[in-house]
Protein backbone atom coordinates (compact mmCIF):
# COMPACT_ATOMS: atom_id res chain seq x y z
CA UNK A 1 -67.19 2.75 -111.70
CA UNK A 2 -65.02 0.36 -109.72
CA UNK A 3 -64.03 0.71 -106.07
CA UNK A 4 -60.31 -0.12 -106.03
CA UNK A 5 -57.14 0.43 -104.04
CA UNK A 6 -54.59 3.13 -104.81
CA UNK A 7 -52.11 0.40 -105.71
CA UNK A 8 -54.55 -0.93 -108.32
CA UNK A 9 -54.68 2.50 -109.96
CA UNK A 10 -50.90 2.94 -109.77
CA UNK A 11 -50.43 -0.40 -111.56
CA UNK A 12 -52.58 0.83 -114.45
CA UNK A 13 -50.40 3.87 -115.11
CA UNK A 14 -48.08 3.06 -117.99
CA UNK A 15 -44.67 4.55 -118.72
CA UNK A 16 -44.76 7.76 -120.79
CA UNK A 17 -48.29 8.55 -119.61
CA UNK A 18 -49.49 12.12 -119.13
CA UNK A 19 -50.99 12.51 -115.67
CA UNK A 20 -53.01 15.32 -114.08
CA UNK A 21 -52.37 15.29 -110.31
CA UNK A 22 -55.32 17.01 -108.65
CA UNK A 23 -55.58 19.64 -105.94
CA UNK A 24 -54.52 23.23 -105.42
CA UNK A 25 -51.03 23.50 -103.92
CA UNK A 26 -51.39 22.53 -100.29
CA UNK A 27 -55.11 21.70 -100.56
CA UNK A 28 -57.06 18.71 -101.86
CA UNK A 29 -54.32 16.47 -103.24
CA UNK A 30 -55.00 12.69 -103.55
CA UNK A 31 -51.94 11.54 -101.58
CA UNK A 32 -52.93 7.86 -101.74
CA UNK A 33 -52.25 7.83 -105.48
CA UNK A 34 -48.92 9.65 -105.44
CA UNK A 35 -47.76 7.44 -102.56
CA UNK A 36 -48.79 4.32 -104.50
CA UNK A 37 -46.98 5.51 -107.63
CA UNK A 38 -43.88 6.19 -105.57
CA UNK A 39 -43.99 2.75 -103.94
CA UNK A 40 -44.53 0.98 -107.26
CA UNK A 41 -41.59 2.83 -108.83
CA UNK A 42 -39.44 2.10 -105.81
CA UNK A 43 -40.17 -1.64 -106.15
CA UNK A 44 -40.41 -2.09 -109.92
CA UNK A 45 -38.90 1.05 -111.51
CA UNK A 46 -42.28 1.43 -113.21
CA UNK A 47 -43.95 3.49 -114.47
CA UNK A 48 -41.23 5.77 -115.79
CA UNK A 49 -40.94 8.91 -117.89
CA UNK A 50 -44.31 10.36 -116.85
CA UNK A 51 -45.46 13.83 -117.89
CA UNK A 52 -47.21 15.83 -115.14
CA UNK A 53 -49.65 18.61 -115.99
CA UNK A 54 -50.84 20.78 -113.10
CA UNK A 55 -52.06 24.30 -112.39
CA UNK A 56 -50.84 24.52 -108.79
CA UNK A 57 -48.41 21.76 -107.82
CA UNK A 58 -49.36 19.90 -104.66
CA UNK A 59 -47.07 19.59 -101.65
CA UNK A 60 -46.17 20.63 -98.13
CA UNK A 61 -42.52 21.57 -98.88
CA UNK A 62 -41.49 18.50 -96.88
CA UNK A 63 -41.96 15.54 -99.22
CA UNK A 64 -45.70 15.15 -99.70
CA UNK A 65 -47.62 15.73 -102.91
CA UNK A 66 -45.68 15.91 -106.17
CA UNK A 67 -42.34 15.58 -104.41
CA UNK A 68 -43.28 11.91 -103.97
CA UNK A 69 -42.77 11.62 -107.72
CA UNK A 70 -39.32 13.24 -107.80
CA UNK A 71 -37.35 9.95 -107.84
CA UNK A 72 -34.92 9.79 -110.77
CA UNK A 73 -36.63 8.44 -113.88
CA UNK A 74 -40.24 8.51 -112.67
CA UNK A 75 -41.04 11.86 -114.30
CA UNK A 76 -39.45 13.13 -117.51
CA UNK A 77 -41.51 16.28 -118.05
CA UNK A 78 -43.69 18.60 -115.99
CA UNK A 79 -45.79 21.58 -117.03
CA UNK A 80 -47.09 23.58 -114.11
CA UNK A 81 -48.19 26.99 -112.87
CA UNK A 82 -47.12 27.11 -109.23
CA UNK A 83 -44.16 25.00 -108.04
CA UNK A 84 -43.48 26.45 -104.59
CA UNK A 85 -44.98 23.59 -102.56
CA UNK A 86 -43.02 20.84 -104.36
CA UNK A 87 -39.37 21.98 -104.06
CA UNK A 88 -37.77 18.61 -104.95
CA UNK A 89 -39.62 18.37 -108.25
CA UNK A 90 -38.85 22.06 -108.90
CA UNK A 91 -35.15 21.39 -108.30
CA UNK A 92 -35.23 18.58 -110.86
CA UNK A 93 -36.61 21.07 -113.38
CA UNK A 94 -34.17 23.83 -112.46
CA UNK A 95 -31.15 21.55 -112.85
CA UNK A 96 -32.41 20.10 -116.13
CA UNK A 97 -32.96 16.58 -114.76
CA UNK A 98 -36.53 16.79 -116.03
CA UNK A 99 -38.01 18.97 -118.76
CA UNK A 100 -39.84 21.67 -116.82
CA UNK A 101 -42.21 24.31 -118.17
CA UNK A 102 -43.80 27.12 -116.17
CA UNK A 103 -47.07 28.51 -117.57
CA UNK A 104 -49.61 30.85 -115.92
CA UNK A 105 -51.92 28.96 -113.60
CA UNK A 106 -55.08 30.41 -115.12
CA UNK A 107 -53.91 29.41 -118.59
CA UNK A 108 -53.53 25.80 -117.44
CA UNK A 109 -56.95 25.91 -115.76
CA UNK A 110 -58.45 27.00 -119.07
CA UNK A 111 -56.44 24.40 -120.97
CA UNK A 112 -58.13 21.61 -119.02
CA UNK A 113 -61.44 22.82 -120.44
CA UNK A 114 -59.93 23.35 -123.91
CA UNK A 115 -58.61 19.78 -123.91
CA UNK A 116 -62.07 18.55 -122.91
CA UNK A 117 -63.67 20.37 -125.85
CA UNK A 118 -61.11 19.04 -128.33
CA UNK A 119 -59.36 22.37 -128.97
CA UNK A 120 -55.78 22.48 -130.23
CA UNK A 121 -54.81 24.74 -127.36
CA UNK A 122 -55.48 28.00 -125.56
CA UNK A 123 -54.95 31.41 -127.21
CA UNK A 124 -54.69 34.40 -124.88
CA UNK A 125 -52.97 37.68 -124.07
CA UNK A 126 -51.88 36.26 -120.72
CA UNK A 127 -48.09 35.94 -120.54
CA UNK A 128 -47.13 38.63 -123.04
CA UNK A 129 -44.03 40.50 -121.88
CA UNK A 130 -43.28 37.90 -119.20
CA UNK A 131 -40.64 35.21 -119.08
CA UNK A 132 -43.22 32.83 -120.60
CA UNK A 133 -43.28 34.94 -123.78
CA UNK A 134 -41.21 33.03 -126.40
CA UNK A 135 -39.51 36.31 -127.36
CA UNK A 136 -38.05 36.40 -123.81
CA UNK A 137 -37.47 32.96 -122.22
CA UNK A 138 -40.45 30.89 -123.40
CA UNK A 139 -41.38 29.48 -119.99
CA UNK A 140 -38.69 26.79 -119.89
CA UNK A 141 -37.37 26.37 -116.36
CA UNK A 142 -33.90 25.26 -117.50
CA UNK A 143 -32.04 27.06 -120.29
CA UNK A 144 -31.87 23.85 -122.34
CA UNK A 145 -35.68 23.55 -122.56
CA UNK A 146 -37.29 24.66 -125.82
CA UNK A 147 -40.46 26.70 -125.48
CA UNK A 148 -43.79 24.98 -126.14
CA UNK A 149 -45.49 28.40 -126.33
CA UNK A 150 -45.77 30.26 -129.63
CA UNK A 151 -46.69 33.82 -130.54
CA UNK A 152 -49.58 34.33 -132.96
CA UNK A 153 -51.51 37.24 -134.42
CA UNK A 154 -55.30 37.21 -134.44
CA UNK A 155 -57.39 40.12 -135.65
CA UNK A 156 -54.32 42.32 -135.60
CA UNK A 157 -53.66 41.49 -131.94
CA UNK A 158 -50.52 39.76 -130.67
CA UNK A 159 -51.37 36.70 -128.55
CA UNK A 160 -49.76 33.59 -127.09
CA UNK A 161 -50.76 30.03 -127.99
CA UNK A 162 -50.42 27.25 -125.39
CA UNK A 163 -50.84 23.75 -126.90
CA UNK A 164 -53.17 21.03 -125.58
CA UNK A 165 -51.94 17.69 -124.24
CA UNK A 166 -53.53 14.24 -124.45
CA UNK A 167 -54.36 13.18 -120.89
CA UNK A 168 -53.96 9.51 -119.88
CA UNK A 169 -54.87 9.80 -116.20
CA UNK A 170 -56.51 12.33 -113.90
CA UNK A 171 -55.84 11.49 -110.24
CA UNK A 172 -58.31 13.56 -108.22
CA UNK A 173 -59.79 13.91 -104.76
CA UNK A 174 -63.32 14.35 -103.45
CA UNK A 175 -65.09 13.97 -100.13
CA UNK A 176 -67.82 11.41 -100.88
CA UNK A 177 -68.71 9.02 -103.68
CA UNK A 178 -71.98 7.22 -104.12
CA UNK A 179 -72.42 3.69 -105.44
CA UNK A 180 -72.68 4.96 -109.02
CA UNK A 181 -69.46 6.95 -108.79
CA UNK A 182 -70.87 10.46 -108.45
CA UNK A 183 -68.42 12.64 -106.51
CA UNK A 184 -69.21 15.25 -103.87
CA UNK A 185 -66.52 17.77 -102.76
CA UNK A 186 -68.41 19.19 -99.77
CA UNK A 187 -65.46 19.10 -97.36
CA UNK A 188 -62.77 20.13 -99.85
CA UNK A 189 -61.64 23.76 -99.53
CA UNK A 190 -62.72 24.41 -103.14
CA UNK A 191 -63.67 22.61 -106.34
CA UNK A 192 -60.37 23.54 -108.03
CA UNK A 193 -60.35 22.24 -111.62
CA UNK A 194 -61.60 18.75 -110.76
CA UNK A 195 -64.57 18.70 -113.16
CA UNK A 196 -62.56 20.10 -116.08
CA UNK A 197 -59.66 17.74 -115.34
CA UNK A 198 -61.99 14.73 -115.36
CA UNK A 199 -63.57 15.84 -118.64
CA UNK A 200 -60.13 16.44 -120.19
CA UNK A 201 -59.01 12.91 -119.31
CA UNK A 202 -62.26 11.27 -120.41
CA UNK A 203 -62.32 13.03 -123.79
CA UNK A 204 -58.65 12.17 -124.32
CA UNK A 205 -59.48 8.48 -123.91
CA UNK A 206 -57.86 8.47 -120.47
CA UNK A 207 -58.97 7.27 -117.05
CA UNK A 208 -60.20 9.16 -113.98
CA UNK A 209 -59.56 7.98 -110.42
CA UNK A 210 -60.88 9.78 -107.35
CA UNK A 211 -59.79 9.40 -103.72
CA UNK A 212 -62.63 9.94 -101.21
CA UNK A 213 -63.10 9.61 -97.47
CA UNK A 214 -66.61 8.09 -97.59
CA UNK A 215 -68.82 6.03 -99.88
CA UNK A 216 -72.59 6.46 -99.53
CA UNK A 217 -75.58 4.84 -101.18
CA UNK A 218 -76.75 7.89 -103.16
CA UNK A 219 -75.82 11.58 -103.36
CA UNK A 220 -78.41 14.35 -103.93
CA UNK A 221 -77.93 15.64 -107.49
CA UNK A 222 -77.12 19.17 -106.34
CA UNK A 223 -74.27 17.86 -104.18
CA UNK A 224 -72.45 16.30 -107.14
CA UNK A 225 -69.41 18.12 -108.52
CA UNK A 226 -68.12 15.29 -110.75
CA UNK A 227 -70.81 13.10 -112.36
CA UNK A 228 -70.35 9.32 -112.37
CA UNK A 229 -70.03 9.14 -116.16
CA UNK A 230 -66.58 10.75 -115.83
CA UNK A 231 -65.31 8.49 -113.04
CA UNK A 232 -63.64 5.14 -113.69
CA UNK A 233 -62.25 4.34 -110.23
CA UNK A 234 -62.93 5.36 -106.65
CA UNK A 235 -60.50 4.73 -103.81
CA UNK A 236 -61.68 4.91 -100.22
CA UNK A 237 -59.22 6.45 -97.77
CA UNK A 238 -59.88 4.40 -94.66
CA UNK A 239 -57.03 5.78 -92.56
CA UNK A 240 -58.33 8.32 -90.05
CA UNK A 241 -56.81 11.81 -90.29
CA UNK A 242 -55.08 11.36 -93.66
CA UNK A 243 -57.65 13.21 -95.75
CA UNK A 244 -57.21 16.76 -94.40
CA UNK A 245 -58.60 19.78 -96.23
CA UNK A 246 -55.02 21.12 -96.45
CA UNK A 247 -51.54 20.18 -95.31
CA UNK A 248 -51.81 23.08 -92.85
CA UNK A 249 -54.74 21.33 -91.19
CA UNK A 250 -52.75 18.10 -91.05
CA UNK A 251 -50.14 19.76 -88.83
CA UNK A 252 -52.76 21.79 -86.95
CA UNK A 253 -51.43 25.02 -88.39
CA UNK A 254 -53.23 28.12 -87.03
CA UNK A 255 -55.32 30.03 -89.56
CA UNK A 256 -53.05 33.07 -89.15
CA UNK A 257 -49.59 32.85 -87.66
CA UNK A 258 -47.98 35.54 -85.54
CA UNK A 259 -46.46 37.93 -88.05
CA UNK A 260 -43.50 40.27 -87.90
CA UNK A 261 -43.85 43.98 -87.22
CA UNK A 262 -42.68 44.76 -90.75
CA UNK A 263 -45.46 42.63 -92.27
CA UNK A 264 -47.97 44.10 -89.83
CA UNK A 265 -47.06 47.62 -90.99
CA UNK A 266 -47.32 46.63 -94.66
CA UNK A 267 -50.77 45.13 -94.12
CA UNK A 268 -51.94 48.23 -92.27
CA UNK A 269 -50.75 50.62 -94.99
CA UNK A 270 -51.95 48.41 -97.87
CA UNK A 271 -55.50 48.47 -96.47
CA UNK A 272 -55.60 52.21 -97.12
CA UNK A 273 -55.57 51.44 -100.87
CA UNK A 274 -58.97 49.73 -100.74
CA UNK A 275 -61.66 51.48 -102.77
CA UNK A 276 -64.57 52.86 -100.76
CA UNK A 277 -67.13 51.48 -103.22
CA UNK A 278 -68.03 47.81 -103.75
CA UNK A 279 -65.06 46.11 -105.39
CA UNK A 280 -63.72 42.69 -106.33
CA UNK A 281 -60.44 42.14 -104.50
CA UNK A 282 -57.84 39.47 -105.18
CA UNK A 283 -55.35 38.41 -102.52
CA UNK A 284 -52.13 36.68 -103.56
CA UNK A 285 -50.04 34.26 -101.55
CA UNK A 286 -47.77 35.54 -98.76
CA UNK A 287 -48.30 38.95 -97.13
CA UNK A 288 -51.40 39.76 -99.24
CA UNK A 289 -53.27 36.78 -97.78
CA UNK A 290 -52.98 38.46 -94.37
CA UNK A 291 -55.21 41.32 -95.50
CA UNK A 292 -58.35 39.19 -95.75
CA UNK A 293 -59.45 39.38 -92.13
CA UNK A 294 -59.08 43.15 -92.05
CA UNK A 295 -60.72 43.85 -95.42
CA UNK A 296 -64.03 42.34 -94.36
CA UNK A 297 -63.90 44.37 -91.14
CA UNK A 298 -63.05 47.60 -93.00
CA UNK A 299 -65.57 47.40 -95.84
CA UNK A 300 -68.02 44.51 -96.04
CA UNK A 301 -69.10 45.61 -99.53
CA UNK A 302 -65.85 44.24 -100.95
CA UNK A 303 -65.74 40.73 -102.38
CA UNK A 304 -62.47 39.00 -101.55
CA UNK A 305 -61.36 36.25 -103.90
CA UNK A 306 -58.53 33.72 -103.88
CA UNK A 307 -57.68 32.01 -107.17
CA UNK A 308 -58.63 28.57 -105.85
CA UNK A 309 -62.24 29.66 -106.47
CA UNK A 310 -63.13 30.96 -102.99
CA UNK A 311 -65.06 34.18 -102.30
CA UNK A 312 -64.99 36.03 -98.98
CA UNK A 313 -64.52 34.51 -95.55
CA UNK A 314 -61.09 34.81 -93.96
CA UNK A 315 -58.40 33.52 -96.33
CA UNK A 316 -55.93 31.13 -94.73
CA UNK A 317 -52.17 31.40 -94.92
CA UNK A 318 -49.04 29.40 -95.72
CA UNK A 319 -49.78 25.63 -95.95
CA UNK A 320 -53.52 26.35 -95.94
CA UNK A 321 -53.44 29.00 -98.69
CA UNK A 322 -56.39 28.51 -101.03
CA UNK A 323 -58.77 27.81 -98.15
CA UNK A 324 -60.89 30.30 -96.20
CA UNK A 325 -62.78 30.29 -92.94
CA UNK A 326 -66.53 30.59 -93.57
CA UNK A 327 -66.48 31.56 -97.29
CA UNK A 328 -69.60 33.00 -98.93
CA UNK A 329 -69.23 31.14 -102.22
CA UNK A 330 -67.03 28.64 -104.04
CA UNK A 331 -66.83 28.38 -107.83
CA UNK A 332 -64.64 26.46 -110.26
CA UNK A 333 -61.07 27.67 -110.57
CA UNK A 334 -61.22 28.05 -114.36
CA UNK A 335 -64.49 29.98 -114.04
CA UNK A 336 -62.84 32.41 -111.64
CA UNK A 337 -59.84 32.83 -113.94
CA UNK A 338 -62.19 33.59 -116.83
CA UNK A 339 -63.60 36.44 -114.74
CA UNK A 340 -60.08 37.54 -113.76
CA UNK A 341 -58.75 37.50 -117.34
CA UNK A 342 -61.65 39.62 -118.53
CA UNK A 343 -60.80 42.40 -116.07
CA UNK A 344 -63.12 41.44 -113.20
CA UNK A 345 -60.62 42.26 -110.43
CA UNK A 346 -60.80 45.90 -109.30
CA UNK A 347 -57.76 45.72 -107.04
CA UNK A 348 -55.16 42.99 -106.57
CA UNK A 349 -52.78 42.74 -103.64
CA UNK A 350 -49.70 40.78 -104.72
CA UNK A 351 -46.33 39.89 -103.24
CA UNK A 352 -42.96 40.33 -104.94
CA UNK A 353 -39.38 39.11 -104.68
CA UNK A 354 -37.68 41.79 -106.80
CA UNK A 355 -38.47 44.98 -108.69
CA UNK A 356 -35.75 46.15 -111.03
CA UNK A 357 -34.57 49.35 -112.71
CA UNK A 358 -36.55 48.60 -115.88
CA UNK A 359 -39.84 48.00 -114.07
CA UNK A 360 -39.68 44.22 -114.22
CA UNK A 361 -41.21 42.38 -111.25
CA UNK A 362 -39.95 38.95 -110.19
CA UNK A 363 -42.32 36.88 -108.08
CA UNK A 364 -41.48 33.47 -109.52
CA UNK A 365 -37.77 32.81 -108.86
CA UNK A 366 -36.41 33.38 -105.36
CA UNK A 367 -32.67 32.79 -105.55
CA UNK A 368 -32.33 29.05 -106.08
CA UNK A 369 -35.97 28.44 -105.19
CA UNK A 370 -38.58 28.18 -107.95
CA UNK A 371 -42.04 29.34 -106.99
CA UNK A 372 -43.32 29.61 -110.53
CA UNK A 373 -45.70 32.26 -111.81
CA UNK A 374 -48.88 30.72 -110.35
CA UNK A 375 -51.84 33.01 -110.97
CA UNK A 376 -49.66 36.13 -110.67
CA UNK A 377 -49.57 36.95 -114.40
CA UNK A 378 -53.32 36.38 -114.97
CA UNK A 379 -54.14 38.68 -112.08
CA UNK A 380 -51.50 41.37 -112.68
CA UNK A 381 -52.28 41.71 -116.39
CA UNK A 382 -56.02 41.94 -115.86
CA UNK A 383 -56.67 43.76 -112.57
CA UNK A 384 -57.49 47.46 -112.75
CA UNK A 385 -55.22 48.40 -109.81
CA UNK A 386 -52.15 46.62 -108.43
CA UNK A 387 -50.79 46.93 -104.91
CA UNK A 388 -47.50 45.08 -104.41
CA UNK A 389 -46.81 44.22 -100.78
CA UNK A 390 -43.35 43.34 -99.51
CA UNK A 391 -40.47 44.40 -97.30
CA UNK A 392 -37.78 46.77 -98.62
CA UNK A 393 -35.10 44.17 -97.84
CA UNK A 394 -35.36 40.53 -96.79
CA UNK A 395 -33.31 37.93 -94.95
CA UNK A 396 -33.17 38.51 -91.16
CA UNK A 397 -34.99 41.85 -91.32
CA UNK A 398 -36.20 42.84 -87.84
CA UNK A 399 -38.30 45.97 -87.40
CA UNK A 400 -40.11 47.38 -84.38
CA UNK A 401 -41.96 50.59 -83.55
CA UNK A 402 -41.32 52.96 -80.65
CA UNK A 403 -43.38 56.10 -80.00
CA UNK A 404 -44.94 55.88 -83.45
CA UNK A 405 -41.54 55.70 -85.09
CA UNK A 406 -40.21 52.73 -87.08
CA UNK A 407 -36.90 51.28 -85.93
CA UNK A 408 -34.89 48.79 -88.00
CA UNK A 409 -33.12 46.66 -85.37
CA UNK A 410 -31.59 44.33 -87.95
CA UNK A 411 -31.40 45.15 -91.65
CA UNK A 412 -32.23 42.51 -94.21
CA UNK A 413 -29.27 40.96 -96.00
CA UNK A 414 -30.96 40.80 -99.43
CA UNK A 415 -32.02 43.81 -101.47
CA UNK A 416 -35.32 43.48 -103.33
CA UNK A 417 -35.06 46.60 -105.50
CA UNK A 418 -32.28 45.50 -107.83
CA UNK A 419 -30.66 46.59 -111.11
CA UNK A 420 -31.88 43.48 -112.92
CA UNK A 421 -34.48 40.96 -111.76
CA UNK A 422 -33.57 37.27 -111.89
CA UNK A 423 -36.73 36.59 -113.86
CA UNK A 424 -39.39 38.70 -115.59
CA UNK A 425 -42.64 37.54 -114.05
CA UNK A 426 -44.22 40.73 -115.38
CA UNK A 427 -42.86 43.86 -117.07
CA UNK A 428 -44.66 46.97 -115.85
CA UNK A 429 -43.53 48.92 -118.92
CA UNK A 430 -45.42 46.56 -121.25
CA UNK A 431 -48.51 48.16 -122.86
CA UNK A 432 -50.91 45.87 -120.91
CA UNK A 433 -49.97 47.81 -117.73
CA UNK A 434 -50.15 51.29 -119.27
CA UNK A 435 -53.49 52.36 -117.78
CA UNK A 436 -53.18 50.69 -114.37
CA UNK A 437 -52.66 52.38 -111.02
CA UNK A 438 -49.61 50.65 -109.50
CA UNK A 439 -48.56 51.04 -105.86
CA UNK A 440 -45.70 49.34 -103.99
CA UNK A 441 -46.06 49.20 -100.20
CA UNK A 442 -43.10 48.39 -97.94
CA UNK A 443 -42.67 48.80 -94.19
CA UNK A 444 -40.77 52.10 -94.51
CA UNK A 445 -41.66 53.52 -97.91
CA UNK A 446 -44.52 53.60 -100.40
CA UNK A 447 -43.88 53.98 -104.13
CA UNK A 448 -45.96 54.44 -107.23
CA UNK A 449 -44.91 53.23 -110.65
CA UNK A 450 -45.70 55.78 -113.32
CA UNK A 451 -44.05 57.04 -116.50
CA UNK A 452 -41.93 53.87 -116.47
CA UNK A 453 -40.12 54.66 -113.23
CA UNK A 454 -40.42 54.24 -109.47
CA UNK A 455 -41.53 57.29 -107.52
CA UNK A 456 -41.26 57.61 -103.74
CA UNK A 457 -44.58 58.98 -102.44
CA UNK A 458 -44.54 58.18 -98.72
CA UNK A 459 -41.80 57.59 -96.18
CA UNK A 460 -41.78 56.41 -92.56
CA UNK A 461 -41.05 58.95 -89.84
CA UNK A 462 -37.34 59.00 -88.99
CA UNK A 463 -36.16 57.95 -92.46
CA UNK A 464 -34.77 60.19 -95.18
CA UNK A 465 -34.98 59.85 -98.93
CA UNK A 466 -31.26 59.01 -98.86
CA UNK A 467 -31.94 56.19 -96.37
CA UNK A 468 -34.43 54.62 -98.75
CA UNK A 469 -32.20 55.18 -101.80
CA UNK A 470 -29.30 53.40 -100.09
CA UNK A 471 -31.21 50.10 -100.25
CA UNK A 472 -32.28 50.50 -103.89
CA UNK A 473 -29.76 49.68 -106.62
CA UNK A 474 -31.01 52.29 -109.08
CA UNK A 475 -32.07 55.94 -108.90
CA UNK A 476 -35.58 56.63 -107.67
CA UNK A 477 -37.60 59.81 -107.97
CA UNK A 478 -39.27 61.56 -105.06
CA UNK A 479 -42.76 62.99 -105.37
CA UNK A 480 -43.11 66.75 -104.97
CA UNK A 481 -45.88 65.90 -102.49
CA UNK A 482 -43.89 63.34 -100.46
CA UNK A 483 -45.75 62.54 -97.24
CA UNK A 484 -45.20 60.54 -94.05
CA UNK A 485 -46.62 57.03 -93.53
CA UNK A 486 -48.95 56.93 -90.54
CA UNK A 487 -47.86 54.18 -88.11
């Protein structure tokens, strides 16, 4: 192991290299390396035509993280799960300036391990019936992009095959390194896929560089998350305050922001869906992340999980999503996705952008903005019960309550229940969803999805079925036992 500068590492990266940029979205990204790559390219126009391979793309939506690599010519191809925190790179993919592929985040987490073990790729049911399925769109972000995913049959079962990549560099982040190069991640919000990413690079003949905030003489063996054998370079971040656990911490973002009345009502009603017995709960990004604080208060037997690898505590929000206050346990991201994919989640609370007349849910493409599928498909396909949480309309929606009655002071300008979704993140009519209980909670109506159609089961006091129907672009059915939402 060598102790080197970020510029030294950036100068080793050759054109056409495949690079794993570490971290989980807004948490744990090695900014020194992406900044150094950007500066080198700015000065030398090298390296160029990189391929990026990431599960959850790093960024703060304002230029940090992977958006540092969005200069024309620096990146030619990117394969990623979640793109929402790196909008400039996502725009390059959407406009066809780079070759962009969107695969499920859990699939990519598992691929890191598959690459490490020398496998040709990852074969799984995850992604069937979604826009990643080659019989639909194939996961290409721009229409000109050919799918890298193929459909195979194994033991009479239809599956998807995601190919491995040869990794040239893994640029990672830890908290401490010792003189041998062992890496401790004690102050990172989670372990993410760092170990698997390092192994994937090493067994591909590539190099591993790790940014840390401290170098010590020796680390206790049980504190080591990445052993020294896997680490080629360590870079010490000597600038105070530039190694935050998340970008939210960097800007002193509160753990939970003040939320709108509409979101508050959704959270309150969604909590009623919690099982009374001990259950494994997953919370997605957005409104679902707000449930964490209340779930532990309501039923401490539940285990809350966030796909970064965190169990329990109070999940953080927005630019700190993936972190939690006082978690009980932290495991590897790919290990958690293995549990998810096998059906370990009893109930998942997920957000949504659109639900259409055919039962297709879009959570990955928001108008011109690409979020990507993230862990949404892994979780939705595998969880036993799904609770989708979102407002009936969006864009300037303003709701308040008065005398236990909901009042819409300003209606949203964008309908979310549409004739045809912009993108099929999941298709609720696909056989993988056949036996699931599916609930959709909004601020003024609750629906269930059964028999391949939306059924209105609860409605807020002061609203009629016609009121709800007027904001939905296709016919809905009303339950014979329609009840009132308690506010």
